[in-house]
Protein backbone atom coordinates (compact mmCIF):
# COMPACT_ATOMS: atom_id res chain seq x y z
CA MET A 1 0.62 -21.44 -8.13
CA LYS A 2 4.08 -20.14 -7.24
CA HIS A 3 4.69 -17.34 -4.84
CA TYR A 4 7.46 -14.74 -5.01
CA GLU A 5 7.82 -12.02 -2.53
CA GLY A 6 9.36 -8.62 -3.34
CA ARG A 7 9.88 -4.96 -1.63
CA CYS A 8 11.60 -1.73 -1.77
CA HIS A 9 14.90 -1.85 0.26
CA CYS A 10 13.31 -0.38 3.49
CA GLY A 11 10.07 -2.47 3.14
CA ASN A 12 7.56 0.30 2.89
CA LEU A 13 6.41 -1.03 -0.58
CA SER A 14 5.90 -4.93 -0.82
CA PHE A 15 4.18 -7.42 -3.21
CA ASP A 16 3.36 -11.03 -3.32
CA PHE A 17 3.36 -12.22 -6.92
CA GLU A 18 1.61 -15.44 -7.54
CA THR A 19 2.26 -17.08 -10.95
CA SER A 20 1.06 -19.92 -12.91
CA VAL A 21 4.60 -20.89 -14.18
CA GLY A 22 8.04 -20.46 -13.17
CA LEU A 23 9.85 -17.20 -13.53
CA GLU A 24 12.12 -18.63 -16.32
CA GLN A 25 9.07 -19.27 -18.40
CA LEU A 26 7.74 -15.76 -17.90
CA GLY A 27 11.13 -14.08 -18.95
CA LEU A 28 12.51 -10.74 -17.66
CA ARG A 29 11.80 -7.74 -19.97
CA ALA A 30 13.94 -4.68 -20.10
CA CYS A 31 12.25 -1.51 -21.41
CA GLN A 32 14.63 0.68 -23.18
CA CYS A 33 12.97 4.12 -22.06
CA SER A 34 15.39 6.37 -20.10
CA PHE A 35 13.47 5.79 -16.96
CA CYS A 36 13.81 1.97 -17.07
CA ARG A 37 17.44 2.15 -18.20
CA ALA A 38 18.33 4.39 -15.48
CA HIS A 39 16.85 2.05 -12.86
CA ASN A 40 18.06 -0.97 -14.73
CA ALA A 41 14.47 -2.32 -14.45
CA ARG A 42 13.77 -5.90 -15.31
CA ALA A 43 9.88 -6.17 -15.53
CA ILE A 44 8.00 -9.32 -15.11
CA SER A 45 4.32 -10.34 -15.15
CA ASP A 46 1.83 -13.15 -15.66
CA PRO A 47 -1.56 -12.44 -16.98
CA LYS A 48 -2.81 -15.70 -15.21
CA GLY A 49 -1.14 -14.85 -12.08
CA THR A 50 -2.03 -12.20 -9.31
CA ILE A 51 -0.41 -9.44 -7.33
CA HIS A 52 -1.07 -8.37 -3.68
CA PHE A 53 0.47 -5.05 -3.23
CA SER A 54 0.81 -3.13 0.02
CA VAL A 55 2.15 0.30 1.04
CA ARG A 56 2.96 0.65 4.80
CA ASP A 57 3.30 4.53 4.87
CA PRO A 58 1.48 5.96 2.02
CA LYS A 59 3.26 9.37 2.51
CA LEU A 60 6.22 7.57 1.16
CA LEU A 61 4.70 6.30 -1.99
CA SER A 62 5.85 8.16 -4.76
CA ARG A 63 3.99 7.92 -8.08
CA TYR A 64 5.71 8.95 -11.14
CA ARG A 65 3.74 9.34 -14.53
CA MET A 66 5.61 9.86 -17.70
CA GLY A 67 5.27 9.21 -21.56
CA LEU A 68 1.66 8.52 -22.44
CA GLY A 69 0.34 9.43 -18.76
CA ILE A 70 -1.52 6.13 -18.27
CA THR A 71 0.77 4.44 -15.88
CA ASP A 72 1.97 5.12 -12.25
CA LEU A 73 5.45 4.14 -11.67
CA LEU A 74 5.52 3.31 -7.98
CA ILE A 75 8.66 4.17 -6.14
CA CYS A 76 9.54 4.41 -2.48
CA ALA A 77 10.25 8.00 -1.42
CA ARG A 78 12.34 6.59 1.42
CA CYS A 79 14.84 4.26 -0.15
CA GLY A 80 14.39 5.24 -3.87
CA VAL A 81 13.61 1.85 -5.18
CA TYR A 82 11.22 1.61 -8.26
CA VAL A 83 9.05 -1.29 -7.56
CA ALA A 84 6.30 -1.77 -9.98
CA ALA A 85 4.13 -0.05 -12.70
CA LEU A 86 0.43 0.18 -12.23
CA MET A 87 -2.25 0.90 -14.78
CA GLU A 88 -6.06 1.00 -14.37
CA ASP A 89 -8.07 -0.53 -17.27
CA ARG A 90 -11.92 -0.77 -17.13
CA GLY A 91 -11.81 -0.90 -13.25
CA THR A 92 -9.23 -3.42 -13.33
CA LEU A 93 -5.78 -2.81 -11.86
CA LEU A 94 -2.96 -4.25 -13.72
CA MET A 95 0.63 -4.33 -12.70
CA THR A 96 4.09 -5.38 -13.83
CA VAL A 97 6.69 -5.53 -11.07
CA ASN A 98 10.55 -4.97 -11.14
CA GLY A 99 12.34 -8.37 -10.89
CA ASN A 100 15.12 -6.41 -9.19
CA ALA A 101 12.92 -5.88 -6.19
CA PHE A 102 12.39 -9.78 -5.47
CA VAL A 103 13.49 -11.07 -2.21
CA PRO A 104 15.65 -12.86 -2.38
CA CYS A 105 17.06 -11.09 -5.25
CA LEU A 106 17.11 -12.66 -8.70
CA PRO A 107 20.40 -13.40 -9.90
CA SER A 108 22.07 -10.61 -12.14
CA ASP A 109 22.57 -12.96 -14.94
CA VAL A 110 19.11 -14.17 -15.64
CA PRO A 111 18.45 -13.59 -19.27
CA VAL A 112 16.59 -10.21 -20.02
CA THR A 113 14.82 -9.41 -23.34
CA PRO A 114 15.25 -5.72 -24.24
CA MET A 115 11.88 -4.24 -25.33
CA ASN A 116 11.22 -0.84 -27.16
CA TYR A 117 7.66 0.40 -26.66
CA GLY A 118 8.30 3.92 -28.07
CA ALA A 119 6.26 3.47 -31.13
CA GLU A 120 3.03 2.50 -29.21
CA ASN A 121 0.16 4.96 -29.00
CA VAL A 122 -2.13 4.88 -25.91
CA ASP A 123 -4.65 2.13 -27.39
CA GLN A 124 -1.76 -0.01 -28.52
CA ARG A 125 -0.19 0.11 -24.99
CA ILE A 126 -3.31 -0.61 -23.29
CA ALA A 127 -4.17 -3.57 -25.45
CA ARG A 128 -0.69 -5.06 -24.95
CA ARG A 129 -0.84 -4.54 -21.26
CA ARG A 130 -4.26 -6.35 -21.07
CA ILE A 131 -2.64 -9.43 -22.58
CA ARG A 132 0.72 -9.33 -20.61
CA TRP A 133 0.33 -7.53 -17.37
CA THR A 134 -0.75 -9.18 -14.06
CA PRO A 135 -4.18 -8.44 -12.56
CA VAL A 136 -3.88 -6.86 -8.95
CA SER A 137 -6.23 -8.61 -6.35
CA VAL A 138 -5.11 -6.61 -3.36
CA TYR A 139 -3.97 -3.04 -3.39
CA LYS A 140 -3.57 -1.97 0.28
CA ILE A 141 -2.30 1.50 1.39
CA GLY A 142 -1.85 2.04 4.83
């Protein structure tokens, strides 16, 4: 497994992303919704990998829900960085992380595939995420 670390700017939200393949094989995705475009988010996940996610100060974890209302977008309330998206499915936490939060930063010229998920209904979105998103093995708050 390959390990990649990431965090928000102030370090309150952090993750360890373990992947079975290199980042270049997974590819970055750019959702075209207004939230992701405003944050210039570049999502990455590996269904065969795992994520350890930590929140140092729970009071500074901002959860934003929009659209279909099934996903928490995890944002640091102190520094404002969007770090990850989290969804629970059948008792399993699934996550995709923002490639812009990796430390060291990923180069800005890494290829990104634009994605448009606007036509999906709840069932379609959950089914896609079951196949694409990374299981969360540790979700530590505080």
